């Protein structure tokens, strides 16, 4: 394991595609790739947190040149092992600050990855970093959950999201700081294993303000990749911010 892999080292990378199997369903992946290909047009796409290539590979398969940024070499190794993975350029680094050569017509962060930046400053830096790498008129797309604080009764700070005979997963929220963690307990051969990954949840309006600080404006917000309306009952959103054309 590389020390710089953070919370997505070899142990996580080895089972990541299986553990996130629902997100690898063709209908999910194709809907995301369709939207991103439309936004990319004849230009290039930049994926922040490219991981194992769940979205990058089908997007590249649509003829869009894709470049990725990721902190985890273990995750990128999985991308490289897949058909077409060697053709996608990847820069190892923190996507809040890492710059790559050239300009892009679309940049994107999917599957709650903006929350891997665990401070507001880092999230703001990410928006600024993206804006500097977008072409005029380019767009930044973020797919992220809506914080599920309505599921927290007074005095409770834990929300379970997986429960089984040999495994449990739950989120712990600190509503004062917007810090949260996803925690996983698994029993293998009678022995317990525990893993915790920190996040910082972020509200849609807060993201809009980050975009404005970076010189971008909200263009669209949907419930998901098939562009259903975003409502007060939405549990996630796909938001598109645009850099001014002039």
Protein backbone atom coordinates (compact mmCIF):
# COMPACT_ATOMS: atom_id res chain seq x y z
CA UNK A 1 0.00 0.00 0.00
CA UNK A 2 1.24 3.48 -0.86
CA UNK A 3 1.25 5.88 2.07
CA UNK A 4 -0.35 8.55 -0.14
CA UNK A 5 -3.34 6.36 -1.00
CA UNK A 6 -5.20 7.74 2.00
CA UNK A 7 -8.37 5.81 2.82
CA UNK A 8 -8.49 4.08 -0.58
CA UNK A 9 -5.49 1.80 -0.42
CA UNK A 10 -5.03 -1.71 -1.73
CA UNK A 11 -7.50 -3.35 0.65
CA UNK A 12 -10.31 -1.02 -0.42
CA UNK A 13 -9.33 -0.96 -4.10
CA UNK A 14 -9.33 -4.77 -4.32
CA UNK A 15 -13.06 -4.98 -3.56
CA UNK A 16 -14.26 -1.50 -4.54
CA UNK A 17 -16.08 -2.49 -7.72
CA UNK A 18 -17.90 -5.30 -5.91
CA UNK A 19 -18.78 -3.21 -2.86
CA UNK A 20 -20.23 -0.48 -5.11
CA UNK A 21 -21.94 -2.91 -7.48
CA UNK A 22 -25.18 -0.94 -7.69
CA UNK A 23 -23.31 2.06 -9.07
CA UNK A 24 -21.79 -0.14 -11.79
CA UNK A 25 -25.17 -1.14 -13.20
CA UNK A 26 -25.26 -0.31 -16.95
CA UNK A 27 -28.32 1.93 -16.62
CA UNK A 28 -26.56 4.02 -13.95
CA UNK A 29 -23.24 4.27 -15.78
CA UNK A 30 -24.70 4.90 -19.22
CA UNK A 31 -26.97 7.70 -17.98
CA UNK A 32 -24.00 9.49 -16.40
CA UNK A 33 -21.78 8.99 -19.45
CA UNK A 34 -24.51 10.29 -21.75
CA UNK A 35 -24.86 13.55 -19.82
CA UNK A 36 -21.11 14.06 -19.54
CA UNK A 37 -20.51 13.29 -23.22
CA UNK A 38 -23.13 15.88 -24.17
CA UNK A 39 -21.48 18.49 -21.95
CA UNK A 40 -18.00 17.63 -23.24
CA UNK A 41 -19.01 18.09 -26.88
CA UNK A 42 -15.86 18.10 -28.97
CA UNK A 43 -13.70 18.94 -25.94
CA UNK A 44 -11.91 17.09 -23.17
CA UNK A 45 -13.22 15.81 -19.83
CA UNK A 46 -11.48 15.94 -16.45
CA UNK A 47 -12.56 13.47 -13.76
CA UNK A 48 -11.66 14.31 -10.18
CA UNK A 49 -11.29 11.12 -8.17
CA UNK A 50 -11.22 8.86 -11.23
CA UNK A 51 -10.81 5.73 -9.11
CA UNK A 52 -11.22 2.44 -10.96
CA UNK A 53 -12.71 4.10 -14.04
CA UNK A 54 -16.41 3.38 -13.50
CA UNK A 55 -17.44 6.51 -15.45
CA UNK A 56 -14.22 7.39 -17.26
CA UNK A 57 -14.07 4.20 -19.32
CA UNK A 58 -17.58 4.40 -20.82
CA UNK A 59 -17.14 8.13 -21.37
CA UNK A 60 -13.89 7.51 -23.23
CA UNK A 61 -15.72 4.79 -25.16
CA UNK A 62 -18.02 7.52 -26.47
CA UNK A 63 -15.02 9.25 -28.03
CA UNK A 64 -14.41 11.83 -25.29
CA UNK A 65 -10.74 12.31 -24.31
CA UNK A 66 -10.67 11.82 -20.51
CA UNK A 67 -7.95 12.72 -18.03
CA UNK A 68 -8.21 11.83 -14.36
CA UNK A 69 -6.83 12.99 -11.02
CA UNK A 70 -6.69 10.61 -8.07
CA UNK A 71 -4.73 10.33 -4.84
CA UNK A 72 -4.83 6.52 -4.74
CA UNK A 73 -2.37 4.60 -6.87
CA UNK A 74 -4.11 1.37 -5.80
CA UNK A 75 -7.39 2.53 -7.32
CA UNK A 76 -5.68 3.71 -10.50
CA UNK A 77 -3.92 0.35 -10.80
CA UNK A 78 -7.39 -1.23 -11.04
CA UNK A 79 -8.29 1.24 -13.79
CA UNK A 80 -5.12 0.38 -15.69
CA UNK A 81 -5.94 -3.34 -15.54
CA UNK A 82 -9.28 -2.86 -17.34
CA UNK A 83 -9.68 -2.84 -21.14
CA UNK A 84 -8.98 0.68 -22.36
CA UNK A 85 -7.60 1.79 -19.01
CA UNK A 86 -4.07 2.32 -20.30
CA UNK A 87 -5.36 4.90 -22.78
CA UNK A 88 -6.66 7.25 -20.07
CA UNK A 89 -4.20 9.75 -18.66
CA UNK A 90 -4.09 10.00 -14.88
CA UNK A 91 -2.29 12.45 -12.62
CA UNK A 92 -1.67 11.31 -9.05
CA UNK A 93 -2.53 14.03 -6.58
CA UNK A 94 -5.09 15.84 -4.44
CA UNK A 95 -7.86 16.95 -6.80
CA UNK A 96 -8.50 20.08 -4.73
CA UNK A 97 -5.20 21.56 -5.87
CA UNK A 98 -3.62 19.38 -8.59
CA UNK A 99 -3.37 20.94 -12.05
CA UNK A 100 -2.90 19.14 -15.35
CA UNK A 101 -1.91 20.35 -18.80
CA UNK A 102 -4.48 21.78 -21.15
CA UNK A 103 -8.06 22.98 -20.73
CA UNK A 104 -11.29 21.02 -20.44
CA UNK A 105 -14.86 21.54 -21.59
CA UNK A 106 -16.25 19.56 -18.65
CA UNK A 107 -14.95 18.50 -15.24
CA UNK A 108 -16.87 16.20 -12.95
CA UNK A 109 -17.03 14.65 -9.48
CA UNK A 110 -19.38 11.68 -9.05
CA UNK A 111 -20.66 9.34 -6.32
CA UNK A 112 -20.29 11.80 -3.38
CA UNK A 113 -16.56 12.25 -4.00
CA UNK A 114 -16.68 15.98 -3.20
CA UNK A 115 -17.21 14.88 0.41
CA UNK A 116 -13.81 13.17 0.45
CA UNK A 117 -12.48 16.70 0.90
CA UNK A 118 -13.03 16.97 4.63
CA UNK A 119 -12.83 20.75 5.12
CA UNK A 120 -14.80 23.62 3.63
CA UNK A 121 -11.53 25.28 2.56
CA UNK A 122 -10.55 22.21 0.54
CA UNK A 123 -13.96 22.08 -1.13
CA UNK A 124 -13.70 25.78 -2.03
CA UNK A 125 -10.19 25.18 -3.39
CA UNK A 126 -11.58 22.36 -5.54
CA UNK A 127 -14.09 24.67 -7.23
CA UNK A 128 -11.39 27.27 -7.87
CA UNK A 129 -9.03 24.62 -9.20
CA UNK A 130 -11.68 23.36 -11.61
CA UNK A 131 -12.64 26.85 -12.79
CA UNK A 132 -9.01 27.57 -13.66
CA UNK A 133 -8.83 24.43 -15.80
CA UNK A 134 -12.13 24.86 -17.65
CA UNK A 135 -12.45 26.45 -21.04
CA UNK A 136 -14.71 29.53 -21.22
CA UNK A 137 -18.24 28.18 -21.30
CA UNK A 138 -17.11 24.91 -19.72
CA UNK A 139 -19.07 23.14 -17.01
CA UNK A 140 -18.42 21.51 -13.65
CA UNK A 141 -20.69 18.60 -12.66
CA UNK A 142 -21.07 17.22 -9.13
CA UNK A 143 -23.13 14.21 -8.08
CA UNK A 144 -23.63 14.12 -4.32
CA UNK A 145 -26.14 13.10 -1.71
CA UNK A 146 -28.38 15.46 0.21
CA UNK A 147 -27.43 15.16 3.91
CA UNK A 148 -29.94 12.84 5.56
CA UNK A 149 -30.29 14.81 8.76
CA UNK A 150 -34.06 14.37 8.73
CA UNK A 151 -33.38 10.74 9.68
CA UNK A 152 -31.74 11.87 12.92
CA UNK A 153 -34.14 12.19 15.87
CA UNK A 154 -33.09 14.52 18.71
CA UNK A 155 -30.10 13.15 20.56
CA UNK A 156 -29.06 10.67 17.85
CA UNK A 157 -26.05 11.05 15.57
CA UNK A 158 -25.90 7.63 13.83
CA UNK A 159 -27.70 6.49 10.65
CA UNK A 160 -27.29 2.80 9.65
CA UNK A 161 -27.35 2.03 5.94
CA UNK A 162 -26.34 -1.64 5.79
CA UNK A 163 -27.35 -4.32 8.28
CA UNK A 164 -26.64 -8.02 7.89
CA UNK A 165 -25.66 -11.11 9.88
CA UNK A 166 -21.94 -10.64 9.19
CA UNK A 167 -21.67 -6.94 8.42
CA UNK A 168 -22.91 -3.53 9.46
CA UNK A 169 -22.36 -0.05 8.05
CA UNK A 170 -23.41 3.26 9.52
CA UNK A 171 -22.76 6.98 9.20
CA UNK A 172 -21.89 9.16 12.19
CA UNK A 173 -22.83 12.84 11.89
CA UNK A 174 -21.55 15.94 13.68
CA UNK A 175 -24.12 18.57 12.75
CA UNK A 176 -22.04 21.35 14.32
CA UNK A 177 -19.09 20.85 11.97
CA UNK A 178 -20.72 18.99 9.02
CA UNK A 179 -18.16 16.26 9.55
CA UNK A 180 -19.31 12.70 9.09
CA UNK A 181 -17.80 9.27 8.74
CA UNK A 182 -18.88 6.04 7.10
CA UNK A 183 -18.06 3.09 9.32
CA UNK A 184 -17.94 -0.56 8.32
CA UNK A 185 -17.88 -3.61 10.59
CA UNK A 186 -17.39 -7.03 9.01
CA UNK A 187 -17.07 -10.47 10.57
CA UNK A 188 -14.82 -12.86 8.63
CA UNK A 189 -14.08 -16.34 9.98
CA UNK A 190 -15.28 -15.29 13.40
CA UNK A 191 -13.04 -12.21 13.55
CA UNK A 192 -14.26 -8.64 13.38
CA UNK A 193 -12.82 -6.02 11.03
CA UNK A 194 -13.49 -2.29 11.30
CA UNK A 195 -12.90 0.53 8.81
CA UNK A 196 -13.85 4.20 8.99
CA UNK A 197 -13.70 6.83 6.22
CA UNK A 198 -14.13 10.54 7.05
CA UNK A 199 -16.20 12.95 4.95
CA UNK A 200 -17.63 16.44 5.08
CA UNK A 201 -21.23 16.72 3.95
CA UNK A 202 -22.24 19.78 1.97
CA UNK A 203 -25.56 21.42 1.12
CA UNK A 204 -26.69 22.37 -2.43
CA UNK A 205 -26.82 26.08 -1.57
CA UNK A 206 -23.33 25.86 -0.07
CA UNK A 207 -22.01 24.33 -3.29
CA UNK A 208 -23.66 27.13 -5.27
CA UNK A 209 -21.80 29.68 -3.17
CA UNK A 210 -18.51 27.83 -3.71
CA UNK A 211 -19.16 27.97 -7.45
CA UNK A 212 -19.85 31.71 -7.29
CA UNK A 213 -16.60 32.28 -5.40
CA UNK A 214 -14.86 30.48 -8.28
CA UNK A 215 -16.62 32.62 -10.89
CA UNK A 216 -19.20 30.02 -11.98
CA UNK A 217 -23.00 30.00 -11.92
CA UNK A 218 -25.54 27.21 -11.51
CA UNK A 219 -26.98 26.09 -14.85
CA UNK A 220 -28.91 22.93 -13.94
CA UNK A 221 -29.76 20.82 -10.92
CA UNK A 222 -31.48 17.45 -11.24
CA UNK A 223 -32.46 14.62 -8.94
CA UNK A 224 -30.23 12.29 -10.96
CA UNK A 225 -28.54 11.62 -14.29
CA UNK A 226 -31.84 11.12 -16.11
CA UNK A 227 -32.65 14.77 -15.32
CA UNK A 228 -35.67 14.35 -13.09
CA UNK A 229 -36.57 17.58 -11.25
CA UNK A 230 -34.75 18.23 -8.00
CA UNK A 231 -37.27 18.56 -5.17
CA UNK A 232 -37.41 18.82 -1.40
CA UNK A 233 -37.73 15.03 -1.32
CA UNK A 234 -34.62 14.35 -3.41
CA UNK A 235 -31.98 12.30 -1.62
CA UNK A 236 -29.22 13.29 -4.07
CA UNK A 237 -28.58 15.76 -6.85
CA UNK A 238 -26.57 16.21 -10.01
CA UNK A 239 -25.61 19.87 -10.34
CA UNK A 240 -24.05 21.66 -13.29
CA UNK A 241 -22.21 24.97 -12.93
CA UNK A 242 -20.97 26.96 -15.92
CA UNK A 243 -17.90 29.13 -16.38
CA UNK A 244 -18.77 32.34 -18.24
CA UNK A 245 -18.11 32.10 -21.98
CA UNK A 246 -16.48 35.53 -22.00
